[in-house]
Amino acid sequence: MSHDRKFKEGSRGQVVYEITARMEPELAEEFTAFMVEKHVPDLLATGHFASATVVQSNRTLRISYIALSSEDLRAYLEKHAPRLRAEVVERFPNGLQIERTEWNVVAVLAPR
């Protein structure tokens, strides 16, 4: 069996905007529901992202948003991030540690 991989065309230039939230135990269920049902859909509705993946391990929630370009990410950060971040802080003023990281997509590999 070959272990060669094919590069997915069109993925270069994409940016992964990743949010990692560490939650106090008593917030985990409510915060996860809020993110999946409201915050992530609201963020996707801005039109600057192609998709989002939400994963959880114990009290850590990680959301990876795929922006088609760094310009899309910049536009989101300038036009929409302050409002959406404020909604999270208003709803959950305590008990969260949030980190934000930007990743440039180097390659997306798929089986041949």
PDB file of N, CA and C in Angstrom:
ATOM      1  N   MET A   1       0.847  -1.180   0.000  1.00  0.00           N
ATOM      2  CA  MET A   1       0.000   0.000   0.000  1.00  0.00           C
ATOM      3  C   MET A   1       0.887   1.235   0.000  1.00  0.00           C
ATOM      4  N   SER A   2       0.575   2.196  -0.830  1.00  0.00           N
ATOM      5  CA  SER A   2       1.349   3.428  -0.925  1.00  0.00           C
ATOM      6  C   SER A   2       0.965   4.369   0.209  1.00  0.00           C
ATOM      7  N   HIS A   3       1.962   5.075   0.696  1.00  0.00           N
ATOM      8  CA  HIS A   3       1.708   6.077   1.731  1.00  0.00           C
ATOM      9  C   HIS A   3       1.766   7.479   1.160  1.00  0.00           C
ATOM     10  N   ASP A   4       1.749   7.593  -0.178  1.00  0.00           N
ATOM     11  CA  ASP A   4       1.743   8.905  -0.810  1.00  0.00           C
ATOM     12  C   ASP A   4       0.446   9.616  -0.458  1.00  0.00           C
ATOM     13  N   ARG A   5       0.537  10.924  -0.367  1.00  0.00           N
ATOM     14  CA  ARG A   5      -0.638  11.743  -0.074  1.00  0.00           C
ATOM     15  C   ARG A   5      -0.787  12.788  -1.168  1.00  0.00           C
ATOM     16  N   LYS A   6      -2.001  13.172  -1.422  1.00  0.00           N
ATOM     17  CA  LYS A   6      -2.265  14.180  -2.434  1.00  0.00           C
ATOM     18  C   LYS A   6      -2.607  15.488  -1.730  1.00  0.00           C
ATOM     19  N   PHE A   7      -1.972  16.571  -2.168  1.00  0.00           N
ATOM     20  CA  PHE A   7      -2.260  17.889  -1.618  1.00  0.00           C
ATOM     21  C   PHE A   7      -3.615  18.362  -2.140  1.00  0.00           C
ATOM     22  N   LYS A   8      -4.459  18.810  -1.257  1.00  0.00           N
ATOM     23  CA  LYS A   8      -5.769  19.304  -1.658  1.00  0.00           C
ATOM     24  C   LYS A   8      -5.615  20.690  -2.269  1.00  0.00           C
ATOM     25  N   GLU A   9      -5.916  20.792  -3.531  1.00  0.00           N
ATOM     26  CA  GLU A   9      -5.780  22.063  -4.236  1.00  0.00           C
ATOM     27  C   GLU A   9      -6.671  23.125  -3.612  1.00  0.00           C
ATOM     28  N   GLY A  10      -6.191  24.354  -3.595  1.00  0.00           N
ATOM     29  CA  GLY A  10      -6.980  25.476  -3.112  1.00  0.00           C
ATOM     30  C   GLY A  10      -6.905  25.701  -1.617  1.00  0.00           C
ATOM     31  N   SER A  11      -6.193  24.865  -0.897  1.00  0.00           N
ATOM     32  CA  SER A  11      -6.151  25.031   0.555  1.00  0.00           C
ATOM     33  C   SER A  11      -5.030  25.969   0.999  1.00  0.00           C
ATOM     34  N   ARG A  12      -4.019  26.171   0.175  1.00  0.00           N
ATOM     35  CA  ARG A  12      -2.971  27.132   0.539  1.00  0.00           C
ATOM     36  C   ARG A  12      -3.575  28.522   0.628  1.00  0.00           C
ATOM     37  N   GLY A  13      -3.106  29.269   1.590  1.00  0.00           N
ATOM     38  CA  GLY A  13      -3.654  30.601   1.806  1.00  0.00           C
ATOM     39  C   GLY A  13      -4.741  30.613   2.861  1.00  0.00           C
ATOM     40  N   GLN A  14      -5.295  29.434   3.149  1.00  0.00           N
ATOM     41  CA  GLN A  14      -6.286  29.373   4.212  1.00  0.00           C
ATOM     42  C   GLN A  14      -5.601  29.599   5.554  1.00  0.00           C
ATOM     43  N   VAL A  15      -6.381  30.056   6.501  1.00  0.00           N
ATOM     44  CA  VAL A  15      -5.890  30.303   7.851  1.00  0.00           C
ATOM     45  C   VAL A  15      -6.815  29.594   8.828  1.00  0.00           C
ATOM     46  N   VAL A  16      -6.228  28.927   9.807  1.00  0.00           N
ATOM     47  CA  VAL A  16      -7.006  28.323  10.882  1.00  0.00           C
ATOM     48  C   VAL A  16      -6.937  29.275  12.068  1.00  0.00           C
ATOM     49  N   TYR A  17      -8.086  29.719  12.513  1.00  0.00           N
ATOM     50  CA  TYR A  17      -8.199  30.571  13.691  1.00  0.00           C
ATOM     51  C   TYR A  17      -8.715  29.666  14.796  1.00  0.00           C
ATOM     52  N   GLU A  18      -7.874  29.423  15.786  1.00  0.00           N
ATOM     53  CA  GLU A  18      -8.194  28.430  16.804  1.00  0.00           C
ATOM     54  C   GLU A  18      -8.404  29.086  18.156  1.00  0.00           C
ATOM     55  N   ILE A  19      -9.500  28.707  18.780  1.00  0.00           N
ATOM     56  CA  ILE A  19      -9.844  29.185  20.121  1.00  0.00           C
ATOM     57  C   ILE A  19      -9.774  27.987  21.063  1.00  0.00           C
ATOM     58  N   THR A  20      -9.029  28.144  22.151  1.00  0.00           N
ATOM     59  CA  THR A  20      -8.982  27.107  23.182  1.00  0.00           C
ATOM     60  C   THR A  20      -9.534  27.720  24.460  1.00  0.00           C
ATOM     61  N   ALA A  21     -10.587  27.110  24.990  1.00  0.00           N
ATOM     62  CA  ALA A  21     -11.221  27.600  26.210  1.00  0.00           C
ATOM     63  C   ALA A  21     -11.121  26.528  27.285  1.00  0.00           C
ATOM     64  N   ARG A  22     -10.512  26.902  28.388  1.00  0.00           N
ATOM     65  CA  ARG A  22     -10.465  26.026  29.552  1.00  0.00           C
ATOM     66  C   ARG A  22     -11.540  26.520  30.519  1.00  0.00           C
ATOM     67  N   MET A  23     -12.426  25.586  30.919  1.00  0.00           N
ATOM     68  CA  MET A  23     -13.614  25.957  31.673  1.00  0.00           C
ATOM     69  C   MET A  23     -13.578  25.389  33.082  1.00  0.00           C
ATOM     70  N   GLU A  24     -14.136  26.120  33.997  1.00  0.00           N
ATOM     71  CA  GLU A  24     -14.378  25.565  35.322  1.00  0.00           C
ATOM     72  C   GLU A  24     -15.437  24.465  35.168  1.00  0.00           C
ATOM     73  N   PRO A  25     -15.357  23.414  35.986  1.00  0.00           N
ATOM     74  CA  PRO A  25     -16.270  22.272  35.810  1.00  0.00           C
ATOM     75  C   PRO A  25     -17.746  22.651  35.769  1.00  0.00           C
ATOM     76  N   GLU A  26     -18.146  23.595  36.598  1.00  0.00           N
ATOM     77  CA  GLU A  26     -19.566  23.947  36.662  1.00  0.00           C
ATOM     78  C   GLU A  26     -20.058  24.687  35.412  1.00  0.00           C
ATOM     79  N   LEU A  27     -19.146  25.175  34.571  1.00  0.00           N
ATOM     80  CA  LEU A  27     -19.529  25.886  33.350  1.00  0.00           C
ATOM     81  C   LEU A  27     -19.515  25.013  32.106  1.00  0.00           C
ATOM     82  N   ALA A  28     -18.898  23.858  32.189  1.00  0.00           N
ATOM     83  CA  ALA A  28     -18.609  23.064  30.985  1.00  0.00           C
ATOM     84  C   ALA A  28     -19.846  22.798  30.131  1.00  0.00           C
ATOM     85  N   GLU A  29     -20.905  22.312  30.709  1.00  0.00           N
ATOM     86  CA  GLU A  29     -22.092  21.960  29.928  1.00  0.00           C
ATOM     87  C   GLU A  29     -22.740  23.199  29.308  1.00  0.00           C
ATOM     88  N   GLU A  30     -22.943  24.235  30.102  1.00  0.00           N
ATOM     89  CA  GLU A  30     -23.602  25.453  29.618  1.00  0.00           C
ATOM     90  C   GLU A  30     -22.740  26.167  28.570  1.00  0.00           C
ATOM     91  N   PHE A  31     -21.442  26.277  28.822  1.00  0.00           N
ATOM     92  CA  PHE A  31     -20.560  26.967  27.886  1.00  0.00           C
ATOM     93  C   PHE A  31     -20.480  26.224  26.554  1.00  0.00           C
ATOM     94  N   THR A  32     -20.355  24.904  26.607  1.00  0.00           N
ATOM     95  CA  THR A  32     -20.280  24.114  25.377  1.00  0.00           C
ATOM     96  C   THR A  32     -21.562  24.278  24.566  1.00  0.00           C
ATOM     97  N   ALA A  33     -22.699  24.213  25.209  1.00  0.00           N
ATOM     98  CA  ALA A  33     -23.977  24.389  24.511  1.00  0.00           C
ATOM     99  C   ALA A  33     -24.068  25.780  23.891  1.00  0.00           C
ATOM    100  N   PHE A  34     -23.669  26.803  24.640  1.00  0.00           N
ATOM    101  CA  PHE A  34     -23.692  28.175  24.127  1.00  0.00           C
ATOM    102  C   PHE A  34     -22.817  28.304  22.886  1.00  0.00           C
ATOM    103  N   MET A  35     -21.641  27.747  22.940  1.00  0.00           N
ATOM    104  CA  MET A  35     -20.723  27.856  21.801  1.00  0.00           C
ATOM    105  C   MET A  35     -21.287  27.145  20.572  1.00  0.00           C
ATOM    106  N   VAL A  36     -21.777  25.926  20.752  1.00  0.00           N
ATOM    107  CA  VAL A  36     -22.262  25.130  19.618  1.00  0.00           C
ATOM    108  C   VAL A  36     -23.574  25.685  19.056  1.00  0.00           C
ATOM    109  N   GLU A  37     -24.469  26.132  19.928  1.00  0.00           N
ATOM    110  CA  GLU A  37     -25.795  26.556  19.488  1.00  0.00           C
ATOM    111  C   GLU A  37     -25.874  28.021  19.082  1.00  0.00           C
ATOM    112  N   LYS A  38     -25.004  28.881  19.649  1.00  0.00           N
ATOM    113  CA  LYS A  38     -25.124  30.319  19.380  1.00  0.00           C
ATOM    114  C   LYS A  38     -23.841  30.948  18.832  1.00  0.00           C
ATOM    115  N   HIS A  39     -22.765  30.871  19.602  1.00  0.00           N
ATOM    116  CA  HIS A  39     -21.571  31.639  19.256  1.00  0.00           C
ATOM    117  C   HIS A  39     -20.948  31.205  17.929  1.00  0.00           C
ATOM    118  N   VAL A  40     -20.695  29.921  17.762  1.00  0.00           N
ATOM    119  CA  VAL A  40     -20.060  29.450  16.525  1.00  0.00           C
ATOM    120  C   VAL A  40     -20.954  29.738  15.314  1.00  0.00           C
ATOM    121  N   PRO A  41     -22.265  29.453  15.365  1.00  0.00           N
ATOM    122  CA  PRO A  41     -23.108  29.831  14.223  1.00  0.00           C
ATOM    123  C   PRO A  41     -23.105  31.337  13.938  1.00  0.00           C
ATOM    124  N   ASP A  42     -23.099  32.162  14.985  1.00  0.00           N
ATOM    125  CA  ASP A  42     -23.035  33.617  14.784  1.00  0.00           C
ATOM    126  C   ASP A  42     -21.728  34.023  14.106  1.00  0.00           C
ATOM    127  N   LEU A  43     -20.638  33.409  14.521  1.00  0.00           N
ATOM    128  CA  LEU A  43     -19.339  33.716  13.919  1.00  0.00           C
ATOM    129  C   LEU A  43     -19.317  33.278  12.453  1.00  0.00           C
ATOM    130  N   LEU A  44     -19.814  32.090  12.159  1.00  0.00           N
ATOM    131  CA  LEU A  44     -19.858  31.615  10.779  1.00  0.00           C
ATOM    132  C   LEU A  44     -20.752  32.504   9.906  1.00  0.00           C
ATOM    133  N   ALA A  45     -21.792  33.073  10.504  1.00  0.00           N
ATOM    134  CA  ALA A  45     -22.717  33.939   9.763  1.00  0.00           C
ATOM    135  C   ALA A  45     -22.069  35.245   9.311  1.00  0.00           C
ATOM    136  N   THR A  46     -20.896  35.576   9.833  1.00  0.00           N
ATOM    137  CA  THR A  46     -20.209  36.790   9.378  1.00  0.00           C
ATOM    138  C   THR A  46     -19.728  36.650   7.938  1.00  0.00           C
ATOM    139  N   GLY A  47     -19.640  35.428   7.429  1.00  0.00           N
ATOM    140  CA  GLY A  47     -19.223  35.210   6.057  1.00  0.00           C
ATOM    141  C   GLY A  47     -17.725  35.151   5.835  1.00  0.00           C
ATOM    142  N   HIS A  48     -16.942  35.193   6.901  1.00  0.00           N
ATOM    143  CA  HIS A  48     -15.483  35.207   6.772  1.00  0.00           C
ATOM    144  C   HIS A  48     -14.844  33.830   6.956  1.00  0.00           C
ATOM    145  N   PHE A  49     -15.656  32.820   7.260  1.00  0.00           N
ATOM    146  CA  PHE A  49     -15.121  31.481   7.516  1.00  0.00           C
ATOM    147  C   PHE A  49     -15.869  30.445   6.699  1.00  0.00           C
ATOM    148  N   ALA A  50     -15.138  29.410   6.274  1.00  0.00           N
ATOM    149  CA  ALA A  50     -15.733  28.337   5.491  1.00  0.00           C
ATOM    150  C   ALA A  50     -16.344  27.258   6.370  1.00  0.00           C
ATOM    151  N   SER A  51     -15.765  27.056   7.559  1.00  0.00           N
ATOM    152  CA  SER A  51     -16.262  25.995   8.440  1.00  0.00           C
ATOM    153  C   SER A  51     -15.679  26.162   9.828  1.00  0.00           C
ATOM    154  N   ALA A  52     -16.209  25.363  10.741  1.00  0.00           N
ATOM    155  CA  ALA A  52     -15.691  25.329  12.108  1.00  0.00           C
ATOM    156  C   ALA A  52     -15.797  23.902  12.621  1.00  0.00           C
ATOM    157  N   THR A  53     -14.812  23.512  13.416  1.00  0.00           N
ATOM    158  CA  THR A  53     -14.818  22.215  14.076  1.00  0.00           C
ATOM    159  C   THR A  53     -14.722  22.469  15.577  1.00  0.00           C
ATOM    160  N   VAL A  54     -15.601  21.826  16.335  1.00  0.00           N
ATOM    161  CA  VAL A  54     -15.614  21.976  17.789  1.00  0.00           C
ATOM    162  C   VAL A  54     -15.264  20.623  18.390  1.00  0.00           C
ATOM    163  N   VAL A  55     -14.224  20.607  19.223  1.00  0.00           N
ATOM    164  CA  VAL A  55     -13.825  19.378  19.912  1.00  0.00           C
ATOM    165  C   VAL A  55     -13.691  19.665  21.396  1.00  0.00           C
ATOM    166  N   GLN A  56     -13.875  18.621  22.211  1.00  0.00           N
ATOM    167  CA  GLN A  56     -13.807  18.797  23.655  1.00  0.00           C
ATOM    168  C   GLN A  56     -13.052  17.642  24.286  1.00  0.00           C
ATOM    169  N   SER A  57     -12.255  17.968  25.283  1.00  0.00           N
ATOM    170  CA  SER A  57     -11.583  16.981  26.106  1.00  0.00           C
ATOM    171  C   SER A  57     -11.674  17.474  27.542  1.00  0.00           C
ATOM    172  N   ASN A  58     -12.450  16.749  28.332  1.00  0.00           N
ATOM    173  CA  ASN A  58     -12.673  17.151  29.731  1.00  0.00           C
ATOM    174  C   ASN A  58     -13.171  18.585  29.788  1.00  0.00           C
ATOM    175  N   ARG A  59     -12.416  19.469  30.419  1.00  0.00           N
ATOM    176  CA  ARG A  59     -12.853  20.856  30.608  1.00  0.00           C
ATOM    177  C   ARG A  59     -12.229  21.803  29.592  1.00  0.00           C
ATOM    178  N   THR A  60     -11.743  21.272  28.482  1.00  0.00           N
ATOM    179  CA  THR A  60     -11.159  22.115  27.444  1.00  0.00           C
ATOM    180  C   THR A  60     -11.969  21.974  26.169  1.00  0.00           C
ATOM    181  N   LEU A  61     -12.372  23.125  25.618  1.00  0.00           N
ATOM    182  CA  LEU A  61     -13.102  23.171  24.364  1.00  0.00           C
ATOM    183  C   LEU A  61     -12.202  23.867  23.349  1.00  0.00           C
ATOM    184  N   ARG A  62     -12.057  23.261  22.179  1.00  0.00           N
ATOM    185  CA  ARG A  62     -11.230  23.852  21.129  1.00  0.00           C
ATOM    186  C   ARG A  62     -12.077  23.993  19.868  1.00  0.00           C
ATOM    187  N   ILE A  63     -12.086  25.205  19.318  1.00  0.00           N
ATOM    188  CA  ILE A  63     -12.820  25.479  18.095  1.00  0.00           C
ATOM    189  C   ILE A  63     -11.816  25.930  17.042  1.00  0.00           C
ATOM    190  N   SER A  64     -11.845  25.260  15.898  1.00  0.00           N
ATOM    191  CA  SER A  64     -10.973  25.615  14.783  1.00  0.00           C
ATOM    192  C   SER A  64     -11.842  26.146  13.657  1.00  0.00           C
ATOM    193  N   TYR A  65     -11.653  27.415  13.333  1.00  0.00           N
ATOM    194  CA  TYR A  65     -12.381  28.057  12.242  1.00  0.00           C
ATOM    195  C   TYR A  65     -11.457  28.116  11.034  1.00  0.00           C
ATOM    196  N   ILE A  66     -11.971  27.824   9.851  1.00  0.00           N
ATOM    197  CA  ILE A  66     -11.182  27.894   8.628  1.00  0.00           C
ATOM    198  C   ILE A  66     -11.573  29.158   7.874  1.00  0.00           C
ATOM    199  N   ALA A  67     -10.631  30.091   7.777  1.00  0.00           N
ATOM    200  CA  ALA A  67     -10.815  31.287   6.950  1.00  0.00           C
ATOM    201  C   ALA A  67     -10.145  31.030   5.613  1.00  0.00           C
ATOM    202  N   LEU A  68     -10.762  31.474   4.542  1.00  0.00           N
ATOM    203  CA  LEU A  68     -10.210  31.218   3.219  1.00  0.00           C
ATOM    204  C   LEU A  68      -8.950  32.026   2.935  1.00  0.00           C
ATOM    205  N   SER A  69      -8.741  33.085   3.708  1.00  0.00           N
ATOM    206  CA  SER A  69      -7.541  33.909   3.516  1.00  0.00           C
ATOM    207  C   SER A  69      -7.252  34.693   4.785  1.00  0.00           C
ATOM    208  N   SER A  70      -6.045  35.212   4.858  1.00  0.00           N
ATOM    209  CA  SER A  70      -5.702  36.054   6.005  1.00  0.00           C
ATOM    210  C   SER A  70      -6.522  37.344   5.976  1.00  0.00           C
ATOM    211  N   GLU A  71      -6.913  37.796   4.787  1.00  0.00           N
ATOM    212  CA  GLU A  71      -7.754  38.997   4.680  1.00  0.00           C
ATOM    213  C   GLU A  71      -9.128  38.754   5.302  1.00  0.00           C
ATOM    214  N   ASP A  72      -9.672  37.546   5.089  1.00  0.00           N
ATOM    215  CA  ASP A  72     -10.953  37.214   5.719  1.00  0.00           C
ATOM    216  C   ASP A  72     -10.832  37.225   7.241  1.00  0.00           C
ATOM    217  N   LEU A  73      -9.749  36.671   7.755  1.00  0.00           N
ATOM    218  CA  LEU A  73      -9.552  36.662   9.203  1.00  0.00           C
ATOM    219  C   LEU A  73      -9.415  38.086   9.724  1.00  0.00           C
ATOM    220  N   ARG A  74      -8.621  38.921   9.054  1.00  0.00           N
ATOM    221  CA  ARG A  74      -8.444  40.315   9.491  1.00  0.00           C
ATOM    222  C   ARG A  74      -9.777  41.054   9.502  1.00  0.00           C
ATOM    223  N   ALA A  75     -10.578  40.852   8.450  1.00  0.00           N
ATOM    224  CA  ALA A  75     -11.876  41.525   8.387  1.00  0.00           C
ATOM    225  C   ALA A  75     -12.765  41.089   9.545  1.00  0.00           C
ATOM    226  N   TYR A  76     -12.767  39.791   9.848  1.00  0.00           N
ATOM    227  CA  TYR A  76     -13.542  39.311  10.985  1.00  0.00           C
ATOM    228  C   TYR A  76     -13.061  39.969  12.285  1.00  0.00           C
ATOM    229  N   LEU A  77     -11.751  39.959  12.500  1.00  0.00           N
ATOM    230  CA  LEU A  77     -11.192  40.505  13.738  1.00  0.00           C
ATOM    231  C   LEU A  77     -11.512  41.984  13.901  1.00  0.00           C
ATOM    232  N   GLU A  78     -11.517  42.729  12.815  1.00  0.00           N
ATOM    233  CA  GLU A  78     -11.783  44.172  12.888  1.00  0.00           C
ATOM    234  C   GLU A  78     -13.270  44.484  13.028  1.00  0.00           C
ATOM    235  N   LYS A  79     -14.108  43.784  12.267  1.00  0.00           N
ATOM    236  CA  LYS A  79     -15.523  44.146  12.184  1.00  0.00           C
ATOM    237  C   LYS A  79     -16.430  43.429  13.178  1.00  0.00           C
ATOM    238  N   HIS A  80     -16.091  42.195  13.526  1.00  0.00           N
ATOM    239  CA  HIS A  80     -17.040  41.379  14.287  1.00  0.00           C
ATOM    240  C   HIS A  80     -16.529  40.856  15.627  1.00  0.00           C
ATOM    241  N   ALA A  81     -15.240  40.619  15.744  1.00  0.00           N
ATOM    242  CA  ALA A  81     -14.701  39.991  16.956  1.00  0.00           C
ATOM    243  C   ALA A  81     -15.028  40.760  18.236  1.00  0.00           C
ATOM    244  N   PRO A  82     -14.897  42.096  18.264  1.00  0.00           N
ATOM    245  CA  PRO A  82     -15.192  42.784  19.531  1.00  0.00           C
ATOM    246  C   PRO A  82     -16.613  42.508  20.046  1.00  0.00           C
ATOM    247  N   ARG A  83     -17.593  42.535  19.167  1.00  0.00           N
ATOM    248  CA  ARG A  83     -18.983  42.294  19.570  1.00  0.00           C
ATOM    249  C   ARG A  83     -19.183  40.852  20.033  1.00  0.00           C
ATOM    250  N   LEU A  84     -18.671  39.896  19.268  1.00  0.00           N
ATOM    251  CA  LEU A  84     -18.872  38.492  19.626  1.00  0.00           C
ATOM    252  C   LEU A  84     -18.115  38.117  20.895  1.00  0.00           C
ATOM    253  N   ARG A  85     -16.926  38.657  21.065  1.00  0.00           N
ATOM    254  CA  ARG A  85     -16.171  38.397  22.300  1.00  0.00           C
ATOM    255  C   ARG A  85     -16.888  38.988  23.503  1.00  0.00           C
ATOM    256  N   ALA A  86     -17.457  40.184  23.337  1.00  0.00           N
ATOM    257  CA  ALA A  86     -18.180  40.836  24.441  1.00  0.00           C
ATOM    258  C   ALA A  86     -19.386  39.999  24.868  1.00  0.00           C
ATOM    259  N   GLU A  87     -20.062  39.365  23.910  1.00  0.00           N
ATOM    260  CA  GLU A  87     -21.194  38.507  24.252  1.00  0.00           C
ATOM    261  C   GLU A  87     -20.762  37.336  25.129  1.00  0.00           C
ATOM    262  N   VAL A  88     -19.598  36.762  24.832  1.00  0.00           N
ATOM    263  CA  VAL A  88     -19.094  35.645  25.638  1.00  0.00           C
ATOM    264  C   VAL A  88     -18.770  36.134  27.051  1.00  0.00           C
ATOM    265  N   VAL A  89     -18.074  37.252  27.155  1.00  0.00           N
ATOM    266  CA  VAL A  89     -17.681  37.784  28.462  1.00  0.00           C
ATOM    267  C   VAL A  89     -18.903  38.169  29.284  1.00  0.00           C
ATOM    268  N   GLU A  90     -19.917  38.733  28.634  1.00  0.00           N
ATOM    269  CA  GLU A  90     -21.142  39.113  29.339  1.00  0.00           C
ATOM    270  C   GLU A  90     -21.854  37.880  29.898  1.00  0.00           C
ATOM    271  N   ARG A  91     -21.904  36.838  29.108  1.00  0.00           N
ATOM    272  CA  ARG A  91     -22.601  35.608  29.536  1.00  0.00           C
ATOM    273  C   ARG A  91     -21.782  34.793  30.530  1.00  0.00           C
ATOM    274  N   PHE A  92     -20.448  34.802  30.369  1.00  0.00           N
ATOM    275  CA  PHE A  92     -19.544  34.026  31.221  1.00  0.00           C
ATOM    276  C   PHE A  92     -18.429  34.930  31.731  1.00  0.00           C
ATOM    277  N   PRO A  93     -18.723  35.790  32.711  1.00  0.00           N
ATOM    278  CA  PRO A  93     -17.713  36.747  33.179  1.00  0.00           C
ATOM    279  C   PRO A  93     -16.558  36.102  33.948  1.00  0.00           C
ATOM    280  N   ASN A  94     -16.764  34.913  34.464  1.00  0.00           N
ATOM    281  CA  ASN A  94     -15.734  34.225  35.247  1.00  0.00           C
ATOM    282  C   ASN A  94     -15.707  32.751  34.875  1.00  0.00           C
ATOM    283  N   GLY A  95     -14.570  32.113  35.180  1.00  0.00           N
ATOM    284  CA  GLY A  95     -14.486  30.672  35.040  1.00  0.00           C
ATOM    285  C   GLY A  95     -13.957  30.170  33.712  1.00  0.00           C
ATOM    286  N   LEU A  96     -13.486  31.085  32.858  1.00  0.00           N
ATOM    287  CA  LEU A  96     -12.939  30.684  31.565  1.00  0.00           C
ATOM    288  C   LEU A  96     -11.543  31.253  31.375  1.00  0.00           C
ATOM    289  N   GLN A  97     -10.698  30.483  30.734  1.00  0.00           N
ATOM    290  CA  GLN A  97      -9.403  30.966  30.238  1.00  0.00           C
ATOM    291  C   GLN A  97      -9.439  30.726  28.741  1.00  0.00           C
ATOM    292  N   ILE A  98      -9.294  31.787  27.957  1.00  0.00           N
ATOM    293  CA  ILE A  98      -9.401  31.656  26.505  1.00  0.00           C
ATOM    294  C   ILE A  98      -8.089  32.068  25.849  1.00  0.00           C
ATOM    295  N   GLU A  99      -7.625  31.221  24.936  1.00  0.00           N
ATOM    296  CA  GLU A  99      -6.440  31.504  24.130  1.00  0.00           C
ATOM    297  C   GLU A  99      -6.853  31.504  22.668  1.00  0.00           C
ATOM    298  N   ARG A 100      -6.254  32.400  21.904  1.00  0.00           N
ATOM    299  CA  ARG A 100      -6.523  32.482  20.467  1.00  0.00           C
ATOM    300  C   ARG A 100      -5.217  32.330  19.717  1.00  0.00           C
ATOM    301  N   THR A 101      -5.240  31.495  18.668  1.00  0.00           N
ATOM    302  CA  THR A 101      -4.033  31.243  17.876  1.00  0.00           C
ATOM    303  C   THR A 101      -4.407  31.249  16.401  1.00  0.00           C
ATOM    304  N   GLU A 102      -3.524  31.799  15.584  1.00  0.00           N
ATOM    305  CA  GLU A 102      -3.701  31.778  14.138  1.00  0.00           C
ATOM    306  C   GLU A 102      -2.665  30.842  13.537  1.00  0.00           C
ATOM    307  N   TRP A 103      -3.127  29.987  12.632  1.00  0.00           N
ATOM    308  CA  TRP A 103      -2.259  29.027  11.954  1.00  0.00           C
ATOM    309  C   TRP A 103      -2.407  29.202  10.446  1.00  0.00           C
ATOM    310  N   ASN A 104      -1.309  29.248   9.719  1.00  0.00           N
ATOM    311  CA  ASN A 104      -1.347  29.267   8.259  1.00  0.00           C
ATOM    312  C   ASN A 104      -1.348  27.824   7.764  1.00  0.00           C
ATOM    313  N   VAL A 105      -2.278  27.512   6.875  1.00  0.00           N
ATOM    314  CA  VAL A 105      -2.360  26.163   6.321  1.00  0.00           C
ATOM    315  C   VAL A 105      -1.195  25.963   5.353  1.00  0.00           C
ATOM    316  N   VAL A 106      -0.401  24.973   5.617  1.00  0.00           N
ATOM    317  CA  VAL A 106       0.737  24.631   4.761  1.00  0.00           C
ATOM    318  C   VAL A 106       0.304  23.593   3.729  1.00  0.00           C
ATOM    319  N   ALA A 107      -0.473  22.605   4.174  1.00  0.00           N
ATOM    320  CA  ALA A 107      -0.963  21.573   3.270  1.00  0.00           C
ATOM    321  C   ALA A 107      -2.142  20.873   3.908  1.00  0.00           C
ATOM    322  N   VAL A 108      -3.037  20.403   3.074  1.00  0.00           N
ATOM    323  CA  VAL A 108      -4.125  19.522   3.497  1.00  0.00           C
ATOM    324  C   VAL A 108      -3.928  18.245   2.708  1.00  0.00           C
ATOM    325  N   LEU A 109      -3.727  17.155   3.413  1.00  0.00           N
ATOM    326  CA  LEU A 109      -3.404  15.894   2.759  1.00  0.00           C
ATOM    327  C   LEU A 109      -4.600  14.957   2.801  1.00  0.00           C
ATOM    328  N   ALA A 110      -4.750  14.199   1.745  1.00  0.00           N
ATOM    329  CA  ALA A 110      -5.844  13.234   1.656  1.00  0.00           C
ATOM    330  C   ALA A 110      -5.288  11.948   1.061  1.00  0.00           C
ATOM    331  N   PRO A 111      -5.906  10.823   1.362  1.00  0.00           N
ATOM    332  CA  PRO A 111      -5.430   9.572   0.768  1.00  0.00           C
ATOM    333  C   PRO A 111      -5.585   9.622  -0.751  1.00  0.00           C
ATOM    334  N   ARG A 112      -4.708   8.921  -1.408  1.00  0.00           N
ATOM    335  CA  ARG A 112      -4.780   8.868  -2.883  1.00  0.00           C
ATOM    336  C   ARG A 112      -5.799   7.863  -3.321  1.00  0.00           C
TER     337      ARG A 112
END
